[in-house]
Structures are given as structure tokens and as C-alpha cells.
Amino acid sequence: MIDQRDRPMCVHNDDVVDVYKRELEKIEVALREPQTEERYIALYAAQQALCWAINPVGFESPYRTIQHGLVRPLTGIQEAPVSYPVYSDPHSS
């Protein structure tokens, strides 16, 4: 069932950020559960994209994160991994 709060018809910036934050909460919970490598990478990439959408100065862009291999697969450990988005490095180009 789709939460109608996640599908606003006409939104203001604060409403968009609220939707992103709710989605981030769901992703953070999922990242702490055992995942297949493929699903982990997808969740991590989604987390990165949403963090960047909220704060493009503070986080690496989704494209840069993927292109530079910053999304890494699990190393065989299926215990609750703690994954954090990649922060932007102002000195990198």
C-alpha cells in the first residue's frame, strides 16, 4: 500500500524534504538488516541520492559516487552493516 504522504500532488520545498527524509528513514532501517550484495548496493545508492538531493553541497552527487566507486559492496558480512552516505570533498574535482 502506498503512503499518500509520499506522493504529494503539489509540494513546497519543505514538503519535498519531508518526503525525502521519510524515505531515508526506511532505507536506513533496511541497510541495518541482512541484504544481498545487489540490494545493499541499490539501497546505498538510493540513500546517497536522497542525501545529495537534500544537501548537494554536503554530499557527493549520485553520479560521482557511482563513477568513482564510492558505493562498495558488502564484504561477505551479513550482520547489520552501518552505512553512511559519502560526504562531499570540496578539494576533489
PDB file of N, CA and C in Angstrom:
ATOM      1  N   MET A   1       0.840  -1.180   0.000  1.00  0.00           N
ATOM      2  CA  MET A   1       0.000   0.000   0.000  1.00  0.00           C
ATOM      3  C   MET A   1       0.883   1.240   0.000  1.00  0.00           C
ATOM      4  N   ILE A   2       0.597   2.172  -0.849  1.00  0.00           N
ATOM      5  CA  ILE A   2       1.385   3.386  -0.976  1.00  0.00           C
ATOM      6  C   ILE A   2       0.884   4.429   0.015  1.00  0.00           C
ATOM      7  N   ASP A   3       1.820   4.948   0.797  1.00  0.00           N
ATOM      8  CA  ASP A   3       1.506   6.009   1.736  1.00  0.00           C
ATOM      9  C   ASP A   3       1.288   7.281   0.924  1.00  0.00           C
ATOM     10  N   GLN A   4       0.096   7.848   0.969  1.00  0.00           N
ATOM     11  CA  GLN A   4      -0.234   9.023   0.174  1.00  0.00           C
ATOM     12  C   GLN A   4       0.627  10.231   0.536  1.00  0.00           C
ATOM     13  N   ARG A   5       1.213  10.231   1.734  1.00  0.00           N
ATOM     14  CA  ARG A   5       2.113  11.328   2.095  1.00  0.00           C
ATOM     15  C   ARG A   5       3.364  11.302   1.228  1.00  0.00           C
ATOM     16  N   ASP A   6       3.716  10.144   0.667  1.00  0.00           N
ATOM     17  CA  ASP A   6       4.889  10.022  -0.181  1.00  0.00           C
ATOM     18  C   ASP A   6       4.611  10.412  -1.623  1.00  0.00           C
ATOM     19  N   ARG A   7       3.372  10.782  -1.939  1.00  0.00           N
ATOM     20  CA  ARG A   7       3.003  11.147  -3.302  1.00  0.00           C
ATOM     21  C   ARG A   7       2.230  12.464  -3.329  1.00  0.00           C
ATOM     22  N   PRO A   8       2.837  13.533  -2.841  1.00  0.00           N
ATOM     23  CA  PRO A   8       2.102  14.804  -2.851  1.00  0.00           C
ATOM     24  C   PRO A   8       1.885  15.307  -4.270  1.00  0.00           C
ATOM     25  N   MET A   9       0.739  15.933  -4.517  1.00  0.00           N
ATOM     26  CA  MET A   9       0.404  16.436  -5.842  1.00  0.00           C
ATOM     27  C   MET A   9       1.058  17.790  -6.097  1.00  0.00           C
ATOM     28  N   CYS A  10       0.994  18.671  -5.136  1.00  0.00           N
ATOM     29  CA  CYS A  10       1.581  19.996  -5.264  1.00  0.00           C
ATOM     30  C   CYS A  10       2.390  20.219  -3.992  1.00  0.00           C
ATOM     31  N   VAL A  11       3.678  20.418  -4.160  1.00  0.00           N
ATOM     32  CA  VAL A  11       4.510  20.457  -2.960  1.00  0.00           C
ATOM     33  C   VAL A  11       5.311  21.750  -2.877  1.00  0.00           C
ATOM     34  N   HIS A  12       5.683  22.053  -1.665  1.00  0.00           N
ATOM     35  CA  HIS A  12       6.613  23.133  -1.377  1.00  0.00           C
ATOM     36  C   HIS A  12       7.936  22.478  -1.006  1.00  0.00           C
ATOM     37  N   ASN A  13       8.994  23.228  -0.993  1.00  0.00           N
ATOM     38  CA  ASN A  13      10.312  22.666  -0.706  1.00  0.00           C
ATOM     39  C   ASN A  13      10.352  21.881   0.598  1.00  0.00           C
ATOM     40  N   ASP A  14       9.732  22.408   1.645  1.00  0.00           N
ATOM     41  CA  ASP A  14       9.729  21.703   2.929  1.00  0.00           C
ATOM     42  C   ASP A  14       9.011  20.363   2.824  1.00  0.00           C
ATOM     43  N   ASP A  15       7.951  20.316   2.040  1.00  0.00           N
ATOM     44  CA  ASP A  15       7.218  19.062   1.857  1.00  0.00           C
ATOM     45  C   ASP A  15       8.081  18.029   1.138  1.00  0.00           C
ATOM     46  N   VAL A  16       8.837  18.481   0.149  1.00  0.00           N
ATOM     47  CA  VAL A  16       9.719  17.576  -0.598  1.00  0.00           C
ATOM     48  C   VAL A  16      10.779  17.009   0.329  1.00  0.00           C
ATOM     49  N   VAL A  17      11.387  17.862   1.120  1.00  0.00           N
ATOM     50  CA  VAL A  17      12.414  17.405   2.058  1.00  0.00           C
ATOM     51  C   VAL A  17      11.820  16.409   3.047  1.00  0.00           C
ATOM     52  N   ASP A  18      10.617  16.643   3.519  1.00  0.00           N
ATOM     53  CA  ASP A  18       9.966  15.700   4.431  1.00  0.00           C
ATOM     54  C   ASP A  18       9.784  14.333   3.775  1.00  0.00           C
ATOM     55  N   VAL A  19       9.391  14.320   2.512  1.00  0.00           N
ATOM     56  CA  VAL A  19       9.228  13.059   1.781  1.00  0.00           C
ATOM     57  C   VAL A  19      10.575  12.359   1.685  1.00  0.00           C
ATOM     58  N   TYR A  20      11.633  13.090   1.320  1.00  0.00           N
ATOM     59  CA  TYR A  20      12.976  12.509   1.230  1.00  0.00           C
ATOM     60  C   TYR A  20      13.416  11.945   2.568  1.00  0.00           C
ATOM     61  N   LYS A  21      13.172  12.682   3.640  1.00  0.00           N
ATOM     62  CA  LYS A  21      13.592  12.232   4.972  1.00  0.00           C
ATOM     63  C   LYS A  21      12.862  10.964   5.396  1.00  0.00           C
ATOM     64  N   ARG A  22      11.572  10.871   5.080  1.00  0.00           N
ATOM     65  CA  ARG A  22      10.824   9.642   5.407  1.00  0.00           C
ATOM     66  C   ARG A  22      11.396   8.454   4.634  1.00  0.00           C
ATOM     67  N   GLU A  23      11.731   8.692   3.381  1.00  0.00           N
ATOM     68  CA  GLU A  23      12.299   7.625   2.564  1.00  0.00           C
ATOM     69  C   GLU A  23      13.683   7.230   3.088  1.00  0.00           C
ATOM     70  N   LEU A  24      14.464   8.204   3.517  1.00  0.00           N
ATOM     71  CA  LEU A  24      15.779   7.922   4.097  1.00  0.00           C
ATOM     72  C   LEU A  24      15.658   7.073   5.358  1.00  0.00           C
ATOM     73  N   GLU A  25      14.664   7.355   6.167  1.00  0.00           N
ATOM     74  CA  GLU A  25      14.448   6.556   7.380  1.00  0.00           C
ATOM     75  C   GLU A  25      14.202   5.089   7.023  1.00  0.00           C
ATOM     76  N   LYS A  26      13.394   4.854   6.002  1.00  0.00           N
ATOM     77  CA  LYS A  26      13.111   3.482   5.565  1.00  0.00           C
ATOM     78  C   LYS A  26      14.383   2.810   5.060  1.00  0.00           C
ATOM     79  N   ILE A  27      15.172   3.542   4.288  1.00  0.00           N
ATOM     80  CA  ILE A  27      16.406   2.987   3.738  1.00  0.00           C
ATOM     81  C   ILE A  27      17.401   2.680   4.854  1.00  0.00           C
ATOM     82  N   GLU A  28      17.520   3.573   5.821  1.00  0.00           N
ATOM     83  CA  GLU A  28      18.454   3.356   6.928  1.00  0.00           C
ATOM     84  C   GLU A  28      18.096   2.095   7.712  1.00  0.00           C
ATOM     85  N   VAL A  29      16.814   1.854   7.905  1.00  0.00           N
ATOM     86  CA  VAL A  29      16.375   0.630   8.582  1.00  0.00           C
ATOM     87  C   VAL A  29      16.769  -0.582   7.740  1.00  0.00           C
ATOM     88  N   ALA A  30      16.489  -0.513   6.441  1.00  0.00           N
ATOM     89  CA  ALA A  30      16.800  -1.638   5.556  1.00  0.00           C
ATOM     90  C   ALA A  30      18.296  -1.910   5.489  1.00  0.00           C
ATOM     91  N   LEU A  31      19.127  -0.872   5.522  1.00  0.00           N
ATOM     92  CA  LEU A  31      20.574  -1.064   5.456  1.00  0.00           C
ATOM     93  C   LEU A  31      21.136  -1.746   6.702  1.00  0.00           C
ATOM     94  N   ARG A  32      20.406  -1.707   7.778  1.00  0.00           N
ATOM     95  CA  ARG A  32      20.857  -2.355   9.012  1.00  0.00           C
ATOM     96  C   ARG A  32      20.416  -3.817   9.093  1.00  0.00           C
ATOM     97  N   GLU A  33      19.641  -4.247   8.109  1.00  0.00           N
ATOM     98  CA  GLU A  33      19.183  -5.638   8.059  1.00  0.00           C
ATOM     99  C   GLU A  33      20.060  -6.407   7.073  1.00  0.00           C
ATOM    100  N   PRO A  34      20.143  -7.720   7.225  1.00  0.00           N
ATOM    101  CA  PRO A  34      20.905  -8.515   6.250  1.00  0.00           C
ATOM    102  C   PRO A  34      20.332  -8.323   4.841  1.00  0.00           C
ATOM    103  N   GLN A  35      21.207  -8.096   3.871  1.00  0.00           N
ATOM    104  CA  GLN A  35      20.799  -7.848   2.495  1.00  0.00           C
ATOM    105  C   GLN A  35      21.693  -8.642   1.543  1.00  0.00           C
ATOM    106  N   THR A  36      21.184  -8.896   0.360  1.00  0.00           N
ATOM    107  CA  THR A  36      22.055  -9.417  -0.683  1.00  0.00           C
ATOM    108  C   THR A  36      22.964  -8.266  -1.118  1.00  0.00           C
ATOM    109  N   GLU A  37      24.067  -8.603  -1.736  1.00  0.00           N
ATOM    110  CA  GLU A  37      25.007  -7.572  -2.183  1.00  0.00           C
ATOM    111  C   GLU A  37      24.336  -6.603  -3.157  1.00  0.00           C
ATOM    112  N   GLU A  38      23.557  -7.144  -4.078  1.00  0.00           N
ATOM    113  CA  GLU A  38      22.879  -6.302  -5.073  1.00  0.00           C
ATOM    114  C   GLU A  38      21.903  -5.334  -4.416  1.00  0.00           C
ATOM    115  N   ARG A  39      21.126  -5.832  -3.476  1.00  0.00           N
ATOM    116  CA  ARG A  39      20.144  -4.973  -2.802  1.00  0.00           C
ATOM    117  C   ARG A  39      20.843  -3.929  -1.931  1.00  0.00           C
ATOM    118  N   TYR A  40      21.927  -4.325  -1.263  1.00  0.00           N
ATOM    119  CA  TYR A  40      22.684  -3.396  -0.430  1.00  0.00           C
ATOM    120  C   TYR A  40      23.201  -2.227  -1.274  1.00  0.00           C
ATOM    121  N   ILE A  41      23.779  -2.540  -2.428  1.00  0.00           N
ATOM    122  CA  ILE A  41      24.316  -1.505  -3.305  1.00  0.00           C
ATOM    123  C   ILE A  41      23.200  -0.572  -3.776  1.00  0.00           C
ATOM    124  N   ALA A  42      22.055  -1.140  -4.121  1.00  0.00           N
ATOM    125  CA  ALA A  42      20.923  -0.327  -4.574  1.00  0.00           C
ATOM    126  C   ALA A  42      20.420   0.587  -3.452  1.00  0.00           C
ATOM    127  N   LEU A  43      20.290   0.047  -2.251  1.00  0.00           N
ATOM    128  CA  LEU A  43      19.831   0.849  -1.116  1.00  0.00           C
ATOM    129  C   LEU A  43      20.831   1.962  -0.789  1.00  0.00           C
ATOM    130  N   TYR A  44      22.107   1.613  -0.805  1.00  0.00           N
ATOM    131  CA  TYR A  44      23.140   2.600  -0.501  1.00  0.00           C
ATOM    132  C   TYR A  44      23.126   3.722  -1.538  1.00  0.00           C
ATOM    133  N   ALA A  45      22.990   3.366  -2.812  1.00  0.00           N
ATOM    134  CA  ALA A  45      22.942   4.376  -3.874  1.00  0.00           C
ATOM    135  C   ALA A  45      21.716   5.268  -3.717  1.00  0.00           C
ATOM    136  N   ALA A  46      20.586   4.684  -3.342  1.00  0.00           N
ATOM    137  CA  ALA A  46      19.371   5.476  -3.118  1.00  0.00           C
ATOM    138  C   ALA A  46      19.563   6.427  -1.941  1.00  0.00           C
ATOM    139  N   GLN A  47      20.191   5.924  -0.887  1.00  0.00           N
ATOM    140  CA  GLN A  47      20.474   6.765   0.276  1.00  0.00           C
ATOM    141  C   GLN A  47      21.355   7.950  -0.128  1.00  0.00           C
ATOM    142  N   GLN A  48      22.385   7.674  -0.909  1.00  0.00           N
ATOM    143  CA  GLN A  48      23.292   8.726  -1.345  1.00  0.00           C
ATOM    144  C   GLN A  48      22.553   9.774  -2.174  1.00  0.00           C
ATOM    145  N   ALA A  49      21.704   9.313  -3.082  1.00  0.00           N
ATOM    146  CA  ALA A  49      20.969  10.233  -3.954  1.00  0.00           C
ATOM    147  C   ALA A  49      20.040  11.134  -3.144  1.00  0.00           C
ATOM    148  N   LEU A  50      19.358  10.564  -2.180  1.00  0.00           N
ATOM    149  CA  LEU A  50      18.439  11.371  -1.368  1.00  0.00           C
ATOM    150  C   LEU A  50      19.191  12.363  -0.492  1.00  0.00           C
ATOM    151  N   CYS A  51      20.307  11.934   0.089  1.00  0.00           N
ATOM    152  CA  CYS A  51      21.106  12.858   0.910  1.00  0.00           C
ATOM    153  C   CYS A  51      21.612  14.014   0.060  1.00  0.00           C
ATOM    154  N   TRP A  52      22.050  13.705  -1.155  1.00  0.00           N
ATOM    155  CA  TRP A  52      22.528  14.747  -2.066  1.00  0.00           C
ATOM    156  C   TRP A  52      21.389  15.680  -2.469  1.00  0.00           C
ATOM    157  N   ALA A  53      20.190  15.137  -2.688  1.00  0.00           N
ATOM    158  CA  ALA A  53      19.042  15.971  -3.063  1.00  0.00           C
ATOM    159  C   ALA A  53      18.692  16.956  -1.948  1.00  0.00           C
ATOM    160  N   ILE A  54      18.865  16.533  -0.715  1.00  0.00           N
ATOM    161  CA  ILE A  54      18.577  17.411   0.425  1.00  0.00           C
ATOM    162  C   ILE A  54      19.699  18.434   0.617  1.00  0.00           C
ATOM    163  N   ASN A  55      20.944  17.985   0.430  1.00  0.00           N
ATOM    164  CA  ASN A  55      22.096  18.853   0.683  1.00  0.00           C
ATOM    165  C   ASN A  55      23.178  18.609  -0.367  1.00  0.00           C
ATOM    166  N   PRO A  56      23.048  19.189  -1.564  1.00  0.00           N
ATOM    167  CA  PRO A  56      24.005  18.925  -2.646  1.00  0.00           C
ATOM    168  C   PRO A  56      25.417  19.436  -2.380  1.00  0.00           C
ATOM    169  N   VAL A  57      25.577  20.343  -1.446  1.00  0.00           N
ATOM    170  CA  VAL A  57      26.916  20.827  -1.118  1.00  0.00           C
ATOM    171  C   VAL A  57      27.605  19.866  -0.145  1.00  0.00           C
ATOM    172  N   GLY A  58      26.834  19.239   0.711  1.00  0.00           N
ATOM    173  CA  GLY A  58      27.407  18.399   1.761  1.00  0.00           C
ATOM    174  C   GLY A  58      27.662  16.961   1.369  1.00  0.00           C
ATOM    175  N   PHE A  59      27.070  16.501   0.272  1.00  0.00           N
ATOM    176  CA  PHE A  59      27.204  15.100  -0.123  1.00  0.00           C
ATOM    177  C   PHE A  59      27.629  14.992  -1.575  1.00  0.00           C
ATOM    178  N   GLU A  60      28.337  13.912  -1.882  1.00  0.00           N
ATOM    179  CA  GLU A  60      28.728  13.646  -3.268  1.00  0.00           C
ATOM    180  C   GLU A  60      27.473  13.405  -4.099  1.00  0.00           C
ATOM    181  N   SER A  61      27.533  13.784  -5.362  1.00  0.00           N
ATOM    182  CA  SER A  61      26.402  13.549  -6.250  1.00  0.00           C
ATOM    183  C   SER A  61      26.270  12.053  -6.517  1.00  0.00           C
ATOM    184  N   PRO A  62      25.063  11.597  -6.834  1.00  0.00           N
ATOM    185  CA  PRO A  62      24.879  10.171  -7.140  1.00  0.00           C
ATOM    186  C   PRO A  62      25.785   9.726  -8.293  1.00  0.00           C
ATOM    187  N   TYR A  63      25.882  10.537  -9.325  1.00  0.00           N
ATOM    188  CA  TYR A  63      26.722  10.181 -10.478  1.00  0.00           C
ATOM    189  C   TYR A  63      28.182  10.022 -10.052  1.00  0.00           C
ATOM    190  N   ARG A  64      28.696  10.999  -9.322  1.00  0.00           N
ATOM    191  CA  ARG A  64      30.096  10.952  -8.879  1.00  0.00           C
ATOM    192  C   ARG A  64      30.327   9.761  -7.936  1.00  0.00           C
ATOM    193  N   THR A  65      29.375   9.486  -7.079  1.00  0.00           N
ATOM    194  CA  THR A  65      29.503   8.368  -6.152  1.00  0.00           C
ATOM    195  C   THR A  65      29.655   7.053  -6.906  1.00  0.00           C
ATOM    196  N   ILE A  66      28.843   6.865  -7.926  1.00  0.00           N
ATOM    197  CA  ILE A  66      28.890   5.624  -8.706  1.00  0.00           C
ATOM    198  C   ILE A  66      30.129   5.597  -9.601  1.00  0.00           C
ATOM    199  N   GLN A  67      30.403   6.697 -10.295  1.00  0.00           N
ATOM    200  CA  GLN A  67      31.534   6.755 -11.219  1.00  0.00           C
ATOM    201  C   GLN A  67      32.874   6.534 -10.536  1.00  0.00           C
ATOM    202  N   HIS A  68      32.995   6.982  -9.304  1.00  0.00           N
ATOM    203  CA  HIS A  68      34.261   6.877  -8.589  1.00  0.00           C
ATOM    204  C   HIS A  68      34.303   5.685  -7.640  1.00  0.00           C
ATOM    205  N   GLY A  69      33.335   4.791  -7.779  1.00  0.00           N
ATOM    206  CA  GLY A  69      33.352   3.559  -6.996  1.00  0.00           C
ATOM    207  C   GLY A  69      33.198   3.765  -5.510  1.00  0.00           C
ATOM    208  N   LEU A  70      32.478   4.796  -5.110  1.00  0.00           N
ATOM    209  CA  LEU A  70      32.311   5.066  -3.686  1.00  0.00           C
ATOM    210  C   LEU A  70      31.225   4.201  -3.053  1.00  0.00           C
ATOM    211  N   VAL A  71      30.410   3.549  -3.881  1.00  0.00           N
ATOM    212  CA  VAL A  71      29.427   2.594  -3.369  1.00  0.00           C
ATOM    213  C   VAL A  71      30.103   1.240  -3.403  1.00  0.00           C
ATOM    214  N   ARG A  72      30.358   0.697  -2.241  1.00  0.00           N
ATOM    215  CA  ARG A  72      31.085  -0.565  -2.160  1.00  0.00           C
ATOM    216  C   ARG A  72      30.152  -1.682  -1.707  1.00  0.00           C
ATOM    217  N   PRO A  73      30.320  -2.863  -2.289  1.00  0.00           N
ATOM    218  CA  PRO A  73      29.504  -3.996  -1.853  1.00  0.00           C
ATOM    219  C   PRO A  73      29.922  -4.460  -0.460  1.00  0.00           C
ATOM    220  N   LEU A  74      29.042  -5.201   0.152  1.00  0.00           N
ATOM    221  CA  LEU A  74      29.373  -5.814   1.438  1.00  0.00           C
ATOM    222  C   LEU A  74      30.541  -6.762   1.257  1.00  0.00           C
ATOM    223  N   THR A  75      31.281  -6.997   2.305  1.00  0.00           N
ATOM    224  CA  THR A  75      32.434  -7.889   2.215  1.00  0.00           C
ATOM    225  C   THR A  75      32.102  -9.264   2.772  1.00  0.00           C
ATOM    226  N   GLY A  76      30.921  -9.755   2.461  1.00  0.00           N
ATOM    227  CA  GLY A  76      30.531 -11.076   2.921  1.00  0.00           C
ATOM    228  C   GLY A  76      29.935 -11.087   4.320  1.00  0.00           C
ATOM    229  N   ILE A  77      29.973  -9.970   5.001  1.00  0.00           N
ATOM    230  CA  ILE A  77      29.444  -9.895   6.354  1.00  0.00           C
ATOM    231  C   ILE A  77      27.951  -9.607   6.263  1.00  0.00           C
ATOM    232  N   GLN A  78      27.147 -10.486   6.781  1.00  0.00           N
ATOM    233  CA  GLN A  78      25.703 -10.286   6.718  1.00  0.00           C
ATOM    234  C   GLN A  78      25.127  -9.827   8.047  1.00  0.00           C
ATOM    235  N   GLU A  79      25.983  -9.335   8.930  1.00  0.00           N
ATOM    236  CA  GLU A  79      25.479  -8.741  10.160  1.00  0.00           C
ATOM    237  C   GLU A  79      25.076  -7.319   9.828  1.00  0.00           C
ATOM    238  N   ALA A  80      24.265  -6.753  10.634  1.00  0.00           N
ATOM    239  CA  ALA A  80      23.740  -5.412  10.379  1.00  0.00           C
ATOM    240  C   ALA A  80      24.857  -4.425  10.066  1.00  0.00           C
ATOM    241  N   PRO A  81      25.059  -4.118   8.789  1.00  0.00           N
ATOM    242  CA  PRO A  81      26.093  -3.136   8.460  1.00  0.00           C
ATOM    243  C   PRO A  81      25.606  -1.728   8.764  1.00  0.00           C
ATOM    244  N   VAL A  82      26.522  -0.870   9.121  1.00  0.00           N
ATOM    245  CA  VAL A  82      26.171   0.523   9.319  1.00  0.00           C
ATOM    246  C   VAL A  82      26.734   1.268   8.123  1.00  0.00           C
ATOM    247  N   SER A  83      25.870   1.866   7.341  1.00  0.00           N
ATOM    248  CA  SER A  83      26.290   2.544   6.125  1.00  0.00           C
ATOM    249  C   SER A  83      25.917   4.003   6.189  1.00  0.00           C
ATOM    250  N   TYR A  84      26.879   4.814   5.876  1.00  0.00           N
ATOM    251  CA  TYR A  84      26.658   6.248   5.884  1.00  0.00           C
ATOM    252  C   TYR A  84      26.886   6.788   4.483  1.00  0.00           C
ATOM    253  N   PRO A  85      26.165   7.816   4.094  1.00  0.00           N
ATOM    254  CA  PRO A  85      26.380   8.401   2.775  1.00  0.00           C
ATOM    255  C   PRO A  85      27.765   9.039   2.689  1.00  0.00           C
ATOM    256  N   VAL A  86      28.228   9.219   1.471  1.00  0.00           N
ATOM    257  CA  VAL A  86      29.549   9.785   1.230  1.00  0.00           C
ATOM    258  C   VAL A  86      29.451  11.305   1.243  1.00  0.00           C
ATOM    259  N   TYR A  87      30.240  11.909   2.116  1.00  0.00           N
ATOM    260  CA  TYR A  87      30.251  13.370   2.192  1.00  0.00           C
ATOM    261  C   TYR A  87      31.092  13.931   1.059  1.00  0.00           C
ATOM    262  N   SER A  88      30.766  15.113   0.650  1.00  0.00           N
ATOM    263  CA  SER A  88      31.468  15.776  -0.440  1.00  0.00           C
ATOM    264  C   SER A  88      32.856  16.222   0.019  1.00  0.00           C
ATOM    265  N   ASP A  89      33.829  16.063  -0.878  1.00  0.00           N
ATOM    266  CA  ASP A  89      35.181  16.545  -0.633  1.00  0.00           C
ATOM    267  C   ASP A  89      35.358  17.805  -1.470  1.00  0.00           C
ATOM    268  N   PRO A  90      35.378  18.956  -0.831  1.00  0.00           N
ATOM    269  CA  PRO A  90      35.456  20.195  -1.599  1.00  0.00           C
ATOM    270  C   PRO A  90      36.750  20.325  -2.404  1.00  0.00           C
ATOM    271  N   HIS A  91      37.772  19.523  -2.089  1.00  0.00           N
ATOM    272  CA  HIS A  91      39.054  19.600  -2.782  1.00  0.00           C
ATOM    273  C   HIS A  91      39.137  18.690  -3.990  1.00  0.00           C
ATOM    274  N   SER A  92      38.143  17.801  -4.191  1.00  0.00           N
ATOM    275  CA  SER A  92      38.170  16.910  -5.356  1.00  0.00           C
ATOM    276  C   SER A  92      37.413  17.547  -6.499  1.00  0.00           C
ATOM    277  N   SER A  93      37.776  17.160  -7.704  1.00  0.00           N
ATOM    278  CA  SER A  93      37.099  17.762  -8.855  1.00  0.00           C
ATOM    279  C   SER A  93      36.153  16.795  -9.504  1.00  0.00           C
TER     280      SER A  93
END
